[in-house]
Amino acid sequence: MLPWFLGHFFLVTALLKKWHTHQLDFILAYTQADIEVDLYMEVPKGFDIEDERSKYALKLLKSLYGRKQVGRVWNQYLTTKLIACRFTQSCITESVFYFKKSMFLVFTDDTILMGPDTQELDDMITLLRKPFQFQMKEL
């Protein structure tokens, strides 16, 4: 769980050090993570089925909003991808990652990047976009 003050601390630190910041939003973040176990759901209304609807179920291939474990699955997925991109996870809080001289704060499906060099922040964004196809919006 992200402490409520961590985002504020992050931004105050950036202001004091005169660092650059970027905010990113992962679009449909929870649906990008793979599911670890087999999950099935009822066929939704409006889905065309010739036979009786109750005979069928749909197997989920990706996480779905509204599931109990979706936040945990997304966080594990993102952490694995960040470590594969040469990010280092903080020993103190699992929500903070380091990349060279820059820092990366994750809260749910949003992030704040901060660092002394705009090129390094752009490199971080490129790393996240290219190999793992993260759909992101820069705010």
N, C-alpha and C. Protein backbone atom coordinates (compact mmCIF):
# COMPACT_ATOMS: atom_id res chain seq x y z
N MET A 1 0.84 -1.18 0.00
CA MET A 1 0.00 0.00 0.00
C MET A 1 0.89 1.24 0.00
N LEU A 2 0.58 2.16 -0.87
CA LEU A 2 1.36 3.39 -1.00
C LEU A 2 0.96 4.35 0.11
N PRO A 3 1.92 4.77 0.93
CA PRO A 3 1.59 5.77 1.96
C PRO A 3 1.09 7.04 1.30
N TRP A 4 0.10 7.70 1.91
CA TRP A 4 -0.54 8.86 1.31
C TRP A 4 0.44 9.99 1.05
N PHE A 5 1.50 10.08 1.83
CA PHE A 5 2.41 11.22 1.73
C PHE A 5 3.53 10.99 0.71
N LEU A 6 3.68 9.79 0.19
CA LEU A 6 4.82 9.50 -0.68
C LEU A 6 4.78 10.31 -1.97
N GLY A 7 3.61 10.46 -2.58
CA GLY A 7 3.50 11.28 -3.79
C GLY A 7 3.88 12.72 -3.54
N HIS A 8 3.44 13.27 -2.39
CA HIS A 8 3.79 14.63 -2.02
C HIS A 8 5.30 14.76 -1.80
N PHE A 9 5.86 13.80 -1.09
CA PHE A 9 7.30 13.79 -0.83
C PHE A 9 8.08 13.76 -2.13
N PHE A 10 7.62 12.96 -3.07
CA PHE A 10 8.26 12.84 -4.37
C PHE A 10 8.29 14.20 -5.07
N LEU A 11 7.16 14.87 -5.12
CA LEU A 11 7.07 16.15 -5.82
C LEU A 11 7.85 17.26 -5.11
N VAL A 12 7.82 17.27 -3.78
CA VAL A 12 8.59 18.27 -3.03
C VAL A 12 10.09 18.06 -3.27
N THR A 13 10.52 16.82 -3.29
CA THR A 13 11.93 16.51 -3.57
C THR A 13 12.32 17.02 -4.96
N ALA A 14 11.45 16.79 -5.94
CA ALA A 14 11.72 17.26 -7.30
C ALA A 14 11.83 18.79 -7.34
N LEU A 15 10.96 19.47 -6.61
CA LEU A 15 11.00 20.93 -6.57
C LEU A 15 12.29 21.43 -5.91
N LEU A 16 12.66 20.84 -4.80
CA LEU A 16 13.87 21.28 -4.09
C LEU A 16 15.14 21.03 -4.89
N LYS A 17 15.17 19.91 -5.62
CA LYS A 17 16.35 19.59 -6.41
C LYS A 17 16.30 20.20 -7.81
N LYS A 18 15.16 20.85 -8.12
CA LYS A 18 14.94 21.43 -9.45
C LYS A 18 15.04 20.37 -10.55
N TRP A 19 14.46 19.21 -10.25
CA TRP A 19 14.43 18.11 -11.21
C TRP A 19 13.20 18.23 -12.11
N HIS A 20 13.27 17.53 -13.23
CA HIS A 20 12.17 17.47 -14.18
C HIS A 20 11.23 16.34 -13.77
N THR A 21 9.96 16.51 -14.08
CA THR A 21 8.98 15.46 -13.77
C THR A 21 8.11 15.16 -14.99
N HIS A 22 7.63 13.94 -15.04
CA HIS A 22 6.63 13.50 -16.03
C HIS A 22 5.61 12.67 -15.27
N GLN A 23 4.36 12.79 -15.67
CA GLN A 23 3.35 11.91 -15.11
C GLN A 23 2.81 11.06 -16.25
N LEU A 24 2.69 9.76 -15.98
CA LEU A 24 2.19 8.82 -16.98
C LEU A 24 0.97 8.09 -16.42
N ASP A 25 0.07 7.75 -17.30
CA ASP A 25 -1.09 6.94 -16.96
C ASP A 25 -1.07 5.72 -17.86
N PHE A 26 -1.06 4.53 -17.28
CA PHE A 26 -1.13 3.30 -18.07
C PHE A 26 -2.59 3.10 -18.46
N ILE A 27 -2.86 3.11 -19.74
CA ILE A 27 -4.23 2.99 -20.25
C ILE A 27 -4.69 1.54 -20.11
N LEU A 28 -5.85 1.37 -19.52
CA LEU A 28 -6.41 0.03 -19.27
C LEU A 28 -5.37 -0.89 -18.66
N ALA A 29 -4.69 -0.40 -17.65
CA ALA A 29 -3.55 -1.10 -17.05
C ALA A 29 -3.89 -2.52 -16.63
N TYR A 30 -4.99 -2.68 -15.94
CA TYR A 30 -5.30 -4.01 -15.39
C TYR A 30 -5.52 -5.05 -16.48
N THR A 31 -5.95 -4.62 -17.64
CA THR A 31 -6.19 -5.57 -18.73
C THR A 31 -4.92 -5.95 -19.47
N GLN A 32 -3.78 -5.33 -19.14
CA GLN A 32 -2.52 -5.67 -19.80
C GLN A 32 -1.81 -6.85 -19.13
N ALA A 33 -2.19 -7.14 -17.89
CA ALA A 33 -1.51 -8.19 -17.13
C ALA A 33 -2.11 -9.55 -17.43
N ASP A 34 -1.23 -10.54 -17.57
CA ASP A 34 -1.68 -11.91 -17.78
C ASP A 34 -2.22 -12.49 -16.48
N ILE A 35 -3.12 -13.45 -16.60
CA ILE A 35 -3.71 -14.09 -15.43
C ILE A 35 -2.89 -15.32 -15.08
N GLU A 36 -2.68 -15.54 -13.78
CA GLU A 36 -1.86 -16.67 -13.31
C GLU A 36 -2.63 -17.97 -13.23
N VAL A 37 -3.93 -17.90 -13.01
CA VAL A 37 -4.77 -19.10 -12.86
C VAL A 37 -5.90 -19.03 -13.87
N ASP A 38 -6.55 -20.15 -14.10
CA ASP A 38 -7.69 -20.17 -15.02
C ASP A 38 -8.88 -19.49 -14.36
N LEU A 39 -9.42 -18.48 -15.03
CA LEU A 39 -10.62 -17.78 -14.57
C LEU A 39 -11.66 -17.81 -15.67
N TYR A 40 -12.90 -18.02 -15.27
CA TYR A 40 -14.00 -18.08 -16.22
C TYR A 40 -15.08 -17.10 -15.80
N MET A 41 -15.87 -16.65 -16.77
CA MET A 41 -16.98 -15.74 -16.46
C MET A 41 -18.19 -16.15 -17.27
N GLU A 42 -19.35 -15.74 -16.79
CA GLU A 42 -20.58 -15.98 -17.53
C GLU A 42 -20.55 -15.21 -18.84
N VAL A 43 -21.27 -15.71 -19.82
CA VAL A 43 -21.37 -15.01 -21.09
C VAL A 43 -22.18 -13.73 -20.86
N PRO A 44 -21.63 -12.56 -21.21
CA PRO A 44 -22.35 -11.30 -20.96
C PRO A 44 -23.57 -11.15 -21.86
N LYS A 45 -24.55 -10.38 -21.39
CA LYS A 45 -25.73 -10.08 -22.19
C LYS A 45 -25.31 -9.32 -23.44
N GLY A 46 -25.97 -9.61 -24.54
CA GLY A 46 -25.64 -8.95 -25.80
C GLY A 46 -24.65 -9.74 -26.64
N PHE A 47 -24.05 -10.79 -26.07
CA PHE A 47 -23.12 -11.65 -26.79
C PHE A 47 -23.96 -12.68 -27.54
N ASP A 48 -23.81 -12.79 -28.86
CA ASP A 48 -24.65 -13.67 -29.67
C ASP A 48 -24.29 -15.13 -29.47
N ILE A 49 -25.26 -15.90 -28.98
CA ILE A 49 -25.11 -17.35 -28.81
C ILE A 49 -26.40 -17.99 -29.31
N GLU A 50 -26.25 -19.01 -30.16
CA GLU A 50 -27.43 -19.67 -30.72
C GLU A 50 -28.10 -20.56 -29.68
N ASP A 51 -27.31 -21.24 -28.85
CA ASP A 51 -27.86 -22.16 -27.85
C ASP A 51 -28.21 -21.42 -26.57
N GLU A 52 -28.52 -22.22 -25.57
CA GLU A 52 -28.85 -21.67 -24.26
C GLU A 52 -27.59 -21.05 -23.63
N ARG A 53 -27.70 -19.83 -23.15
CA ARG A 53 -26.59 -19.05 -22.60
C ARG A 53 -25.92 -19.75 -21.42
N SER A 54 -26.67 -20.44 -20.59
CA SER A 54 -26.12 -21.04 -19.37
C SER A 54 -25.20 -22.23 -19.65
N LYS A 55 -25.15 -22.72 -20.88
CA LYS A 55 -24.27 -23.84 -21.23
C LYS A 55 -22.82 -23.41 -21.39
N TYR A 56 -22.57 -22.12 -21.52
CA TYR A 56 -21.25 -21.64 -21.89
C TYR A 56 -20.62 -20.75 -20.81
N ALA A 57 -19.31 -20.70 -20.84
CA ALA A 57 -18.53 -19.77 -20.01
C ALA A 57 -17.35 -19.30 -20.85
N LEU A 58 -16.85 -18.14 -20.54
CA LEU A 58 -15.71 -17.59 -21.27
C LEU A 58 -14.47 -17.66 -20.39
N LYS A 59 -13.37 -18.15 -20.96
CA LYS A 59 -12.11 -18.20 -20.23
C LYS A 59 -11.39 -16.87 -20.45
N LEU A 60 -10.98 -16.24 -19.35
CA LEU A 60 -10.27 -14.97 -19.44
C LEU A 60 -8.79 -15.20 -19.73
N LEU A 61 -8.25 -14.44 -20.66
CA LEU A 61 -6.83 -14.52 -20.99
C LEU A 61 -6.04 -13.40 -20.32
N LYS A 62 -6.70 -12.31 -20.00
CA LYS A 62 -6.09 -11.16 -19.34
C LYS A 62 -6.95 -10.80 -18.13
N SER A 63 -6.36 -9.98 -17.26
CA SER A 63 -7.11 -9.52 -16.09
C SER A 63 -8.30 -8.68 -16.53
N LEU A 64 -9.26 -8.58 -15.65
CA LEU A 64 -10.48 -7.85 -15.95
C LEU A 64 -10.81 -6.96 -14.76
N TYR A 65 -11.17 -5.71 -15.03
CA TYR A 65 -11.56 -4.81 -13.95
C TYR A 65 -12.70 -5.44 -13.16
N GLY A 66 -12.68 -5.22 -11.84
CA GLY A 66 -13.73 -5.75 -10.99
C GLY A 66 -13.37 -7.05 -10.30
N ARG A 67 -12.32 -7.70 -10.73
CA ARG A 67 -11.88 -8.94 -10.07
C ARG A 67 -11.14 -8.55 -8.79
N LYS A 68 -11.20 -9.41 -7.79
CA LYS A 68 -10.61 -9.09 -6.49
C LYS A 68 -9.09 -8.94 -6.54
N GLN A 69 -8.40 -9.74 -7.32
CA GLN A 69 -6.95 -9.75 -7.32
C GLN A 69 -6.32 -8.91 -8.42
N VAL A 70 -7.11 -8.16 -9.16
CA VAL A 70 -6.60 -7.48 -10.34
C VAL A 70 -5.48 -6.47 -10.02
N GLY A 71 -5.58 -5.76 -8.91
CA GLY A 71 -4.54 -4.80 -8.55
C GLY A 71 -3.22 -5.48 -8.25
N ARG A 72 -3.27 -6.60 -7.53
CA ARG A 72 -2.06 -7.35 -7.20
C ARG A 72 -1.43 -7.93 -8.46
N VAL A 73 -2.25 -8.48 -9.34
CA VAL A 73 -1.74 -9.06 -10.59
C VAL A 73 -1.07 -7.98 -11.44
N TRP A 74 -1.70 -6.80 -11.55
CA TRP A 74 -1.10 -5.70 -12.32
C TRP A 74 0.22 -5.27 -11.71
N ASN A 75 0.27 -5.14 -10.38
CA ASN A 75 1.49 -4.69 -9.72
C ASN A 75 2.62 -5.69 -9.94
N GLN A 76 2.34 -6.97 -9.84
CA GLN A 76 3.37 -7.99 -10.08
C GLN A 76 3.85 -7.95 -11.53
N TYR A 77 2.91 -7.79 -12.44
CA TYR A 77 3.24 -7.73 -13.87
C TYR A 77 4.15 -6.52 -14.16
N LEU A 78 3.75 -5.35 -13.65
CA LEU A 78 4.53 -4.13 -13.88
C LEU A 78 5.92 -4.23 -13.26
N THR A 79 6.00 -4.74 -12.03
CA THR A 79 7.29 -4.90 -11.35
C THR A 79 8.22 -5.80 -12.15
N THR A 80 7.70 -6.91 -12.64
CA THR A 80 8.51 -7.84 -13.46
C THR A 80 9.03 -7.14 -14.70
N LYS A 81 8.17 -6.38 -15.37
CA LYS A 81 8.57 -5.68 -16.60
C LYS A 81 9.60 -4.58 -16.30
N LEU A 82 9.41 -3.84 -15.21
CA LEU A 82 10.36 -2.78 -14.87
C LEU A 82 11.74 -3.35 -14.55
N ILE A 83 11.79 -4.42 -13.81
CA ILE A 83 13.08 -5.05 -13.48
C ILE A 83 13.75 -5.58 -14.75
N ALA A 84 12.95 -6.10 -15.68
CA ALA A 84 13.51 -6.56 -16.96
C ALA A 84 14.06 -5.40 -17.78
N CYS A 85 13.55 -4.20 -17.56
CA CYS A 85 14.02 -2.99 -18.27
C CYS A 85 15.16 -2.30 -17.52
N ARG A 86 15.79 -2.98 -16.58
CA ARG A 86 16.94 -2.48 -15.82
C ARG A 86 16.57 -1.43 -14.76
N PHE A 87 15.32 -1.42 -14.31
CA PHE A 87 14.95 -0.60 -13.18
C PHE A 87 15.30 -1.37 -11.91
N THR A 88 15.61 -0.65 -10.84
CA THR A 88 15.91 -1.28 -9.56
C THR A 88 14.81 -0.89 -8.58
N GLN A 89 14.23 -1.89 -7.92
CA GLN A 89 13.16 -1.61 -6.97
C GLN A 89 13.75 -1.18 -5.63
N SER A 90 13.11 -0.20 -4.99
CA SER A 90 13.55 0.29 -3.69
C SER A 90 13.43 -0.80 -2.63
N CYS A 91 14.38 -0.83 -1.72
CA CYS A 91 14.34 -1.76 -0.60
C CYS A 91 13.38 -1.28 0.48
N ILE A 92 13.05 0.00 0.47
CA ILE A 92 12.23 0.59 1.53
C ILE A 92 10.75 0.52 1.18
N THR A 93 10.40 0.90 -0.03
CA THR A 93 9.00 0.82 -0.46
C THR A 93 8.93 0.23 -1.85
N GLU A 94 8.01 -0.68 -2.06
CA GLU A 94 7.89 -1.38 -3.33
C GLU A 94 7.35 -0.51 -4.45
N SER A 95 6.89 0.69 -4.13
CA SER A 95 6.29 1.59 -5.11
C SER A 95 7.30 2.45 -5.84
N VAL A 96 8.55 2.43 -5.39
CA VAL A 96 9.58 3.29 -5.97
C VAL A 96 10.62 2.43 -6.69
N PHE A 97 10.98 2.90 -7.90
CA PHE A 97 12.00 2.24 -8.70
C PHE A 97 13.03 3.30 -9.10
N TYR A 98 14.24 2.84 -9.34
CA TYR A 98 15.33 3.74 -9.75
C TYR A 98 15.82 3.32 -11.13
N PHE A 99 16.20 4.32 -11.91
CA PHE A 99 16.80 4.09 -13.23
C PHE A 99 17.89 5.13 -13.40
N LYS A 100 19.13 4.69 -13.36
CA LYS A 100 20.28 5.59 -13.39
C LYS A 100 20.13 6.62 -12.27
N LYS A 101 20.01 7.92 -12.60
CA LYS A 101 19.86 8.96 -11.58
C LYS A 101 18.41 9.34 -11.33
N SER A 102 17.48 8.72 -12.03
CA SER A 102 16.07 9.09 -11.95
C SER A 102 15.28 8.13 -11.06
N MET A 103 14.08 8.59 -10.70
CA MET A 103 13.20 7.81 -9.85
C MET A 103 11.84 7.66 -10.52
N PHE A 104 11.15 6.60 -10.15
CA PHE A 104 9.89 6.22 -10.77
C PHE A 104 8.95 5.80 -9.64
N LEU A 105 7.85 6.50 -9.45
CA LEU A 105 6.88 6.19 -8.41
C LEU A 105 5.63 5.62 -9.05
N VAL A 106 5.19 4.47 -8.57
CA VAL A 106 3.98 3.81 -9.10
C VAL A 106 2.88 3.93 -8.06
N PHE A 107 1.72 4.41 -8.48
CA PHE A 107 0.54 4.35 -7.63
C PHE A 107 -0.63 3.92 -8.50
N THR A 108 -1.11 2.72 -8.24
CA THR A 108 -2.16 2.04 -9.00
C THR A 108 -1.73 1.94 -10.46
N ASP A 109 -2.36 2.68 -11.36
CA ASP A 109 -1.99 2.62 -12.78
C ASP A 109 -1.39 3.94 -13.25
N ASP A 110 -1.00 4.79 -12.31
CA ASP A 110 -0.36 6.07 -12.64
C ASP A 110 1.08 6.06 -12.12
N THR A 111 1.90 6.91 -12.71
CA THR A 111 3.29 7.00 -12.28
C THR A 111 3.76 8.44 -12.34
N ILE A 112 4.76 8.71 -11.55
CA ILE A 112 5.48 9.98 -11.64
C ILE A 112 6.95 9.63 -11.86
N LEU A 113 7.54 10.21 -12.88
CA LEU A 113 8.97 10.06 -13.15
C LEU A 113 9.63 11.37 -12.77
N MET A 114 10.79 11.28 -12.13
CA MET A 114 11.53 12.51 -11.84
C MET A 114 13.01 12.25 -11.93
N GLY A 115 13.72 13.25 -12.40
CA GLY A 115 15.16 13.13 -12.51
C GLY A 115 15.81 14.41 -12.96
N PRO A 116 17.12 14.47 -12.87
CA PRO A 116 17.85 15.70 -13.20
C PRO A 116 17.96 15.96 -14.70
N ASP A 117 17.68 14.95 -15.52
CA ASP A 117 17.93 15.06 -16.96
C ASP A 117 16.68 14.65 -17.74
N THR A 118 16.18 15.54 -18.59
CA THR A 118 14.98 15.21 -19.38
C THR A 118 15.24 14.08 -20.35
N GLN A 119 16.45 13.97 -20.87
CA GLN A 119 16.77 12.89 -21.81
C GLN A 119 16.65 11.53 -21.11
N GLU A 120 17.09 11.45 -19.86
CA GLU A 120 16.99 10.20 -19.11
C GLU A 120 15.52 9.83 -18.88
N LEU A 121 14.67 10.82 -18.61
CA LEU A 121 13.24 10.56 -18.44
C LEU A 121 12.63 10.08 -19.75
N ASP A 122 13.03 10.69 -20.85
CA ASP A 122 12.55 10.25 -22.17
C ASP A 122 13.01 8.83 -22.47
N ASP A 123 14.24 8.49 -22.07
CA ASP A 123 14.75 7.13 -22.24
C ASP A 123 13.91 6.13 -21.44
N MET A 124 13.51 6.53 -20.23
CA MET A 124 12.67 5.66 -19.40
C MET A 124 11.33 5.39 -20.09
N ILE A 125 10.74 6.43 -20.64
CA ILE A 125 9.45 6.28 -21.32
C ILE A 125 9.59 5.40 -22.55
N THR A 126 10.67 5.59 -23.30
CA THR A 126 10.93 4.75 -24.48
C THR A 126 11.09 3.30 -24.08
N LEU A 127 11.81 3.04 -23.00
CA LEU A 127 11.97 1.66 -22.50
C LEU A 127 10.63 1.03 -22.18
N LEU A 128 9.74 1.79 -21.61
CA LEU A 128 8.44 1.26 -21.24
C LEU A 128 7.53 1.04 -22.45
N ARG A 129 7.66 1.87 -23.46
CA ARG A 129 6.79 1.76 -24.63
C ARG A 129 7.18 0.64 -25.58
N LYS A 130 8.47 0.57 -25.94
CA LYS A 130 8.88 -0.30 -27.04
C LYS A 130 8.76 -1.80 -26.75
N PRO A 131 9.59 -2.36 -25.87
CA PRO A 131 9.61 -3.81 -25.80
C PRO A 131 8.37 -4.42 -25.18
N PHE A 132 7.68 -3.70 -24.31
CA PHE A 132 6.56 -4.32 -23.60
C PHE A 132 5.22 -3.79 -24.05
N GLN A 133 5.23 -2.88 -25.00
CA GLN A 133 4.00 -2.39 -25.60
C GLN A 133 3.03 -1.80 -24.57
N PHE A 134 3.55 -1.16 -23.52
CA PHE A 134 2.66 -0.51 -22.57
C PHE A 134 1.92 0.61 -23.27
N GLN A 135 0.62 0.65 -23.12
CA GLN A 135 -0.16 1.76 -23.64
C GLN A 135 -0.20 2.82 -22.56
N MET A 136 0.41 3.97 -22.84
CA MET A 136 0.53 5.01 -21.83
C MET A 136 0.08 6.35 -22.40
N LYS A 137 -0.34 7.20 -21.50
CA LYS A 137 -0.68 8.56 -21.85
C LYS A 137 0.17 9.47 -20.98
N GLU A 138 0.90 10.40 -21.60
CA GLU A 138 1.69 11.37 -20.84
C GLU A 138 0.79 12.52 -20.46
N LEU A 139 0.77 12.83 -19.16
CA LEU A 139 -0.11 13.88 -18.66
C LEU A 139 0.69 15.16 -18.40
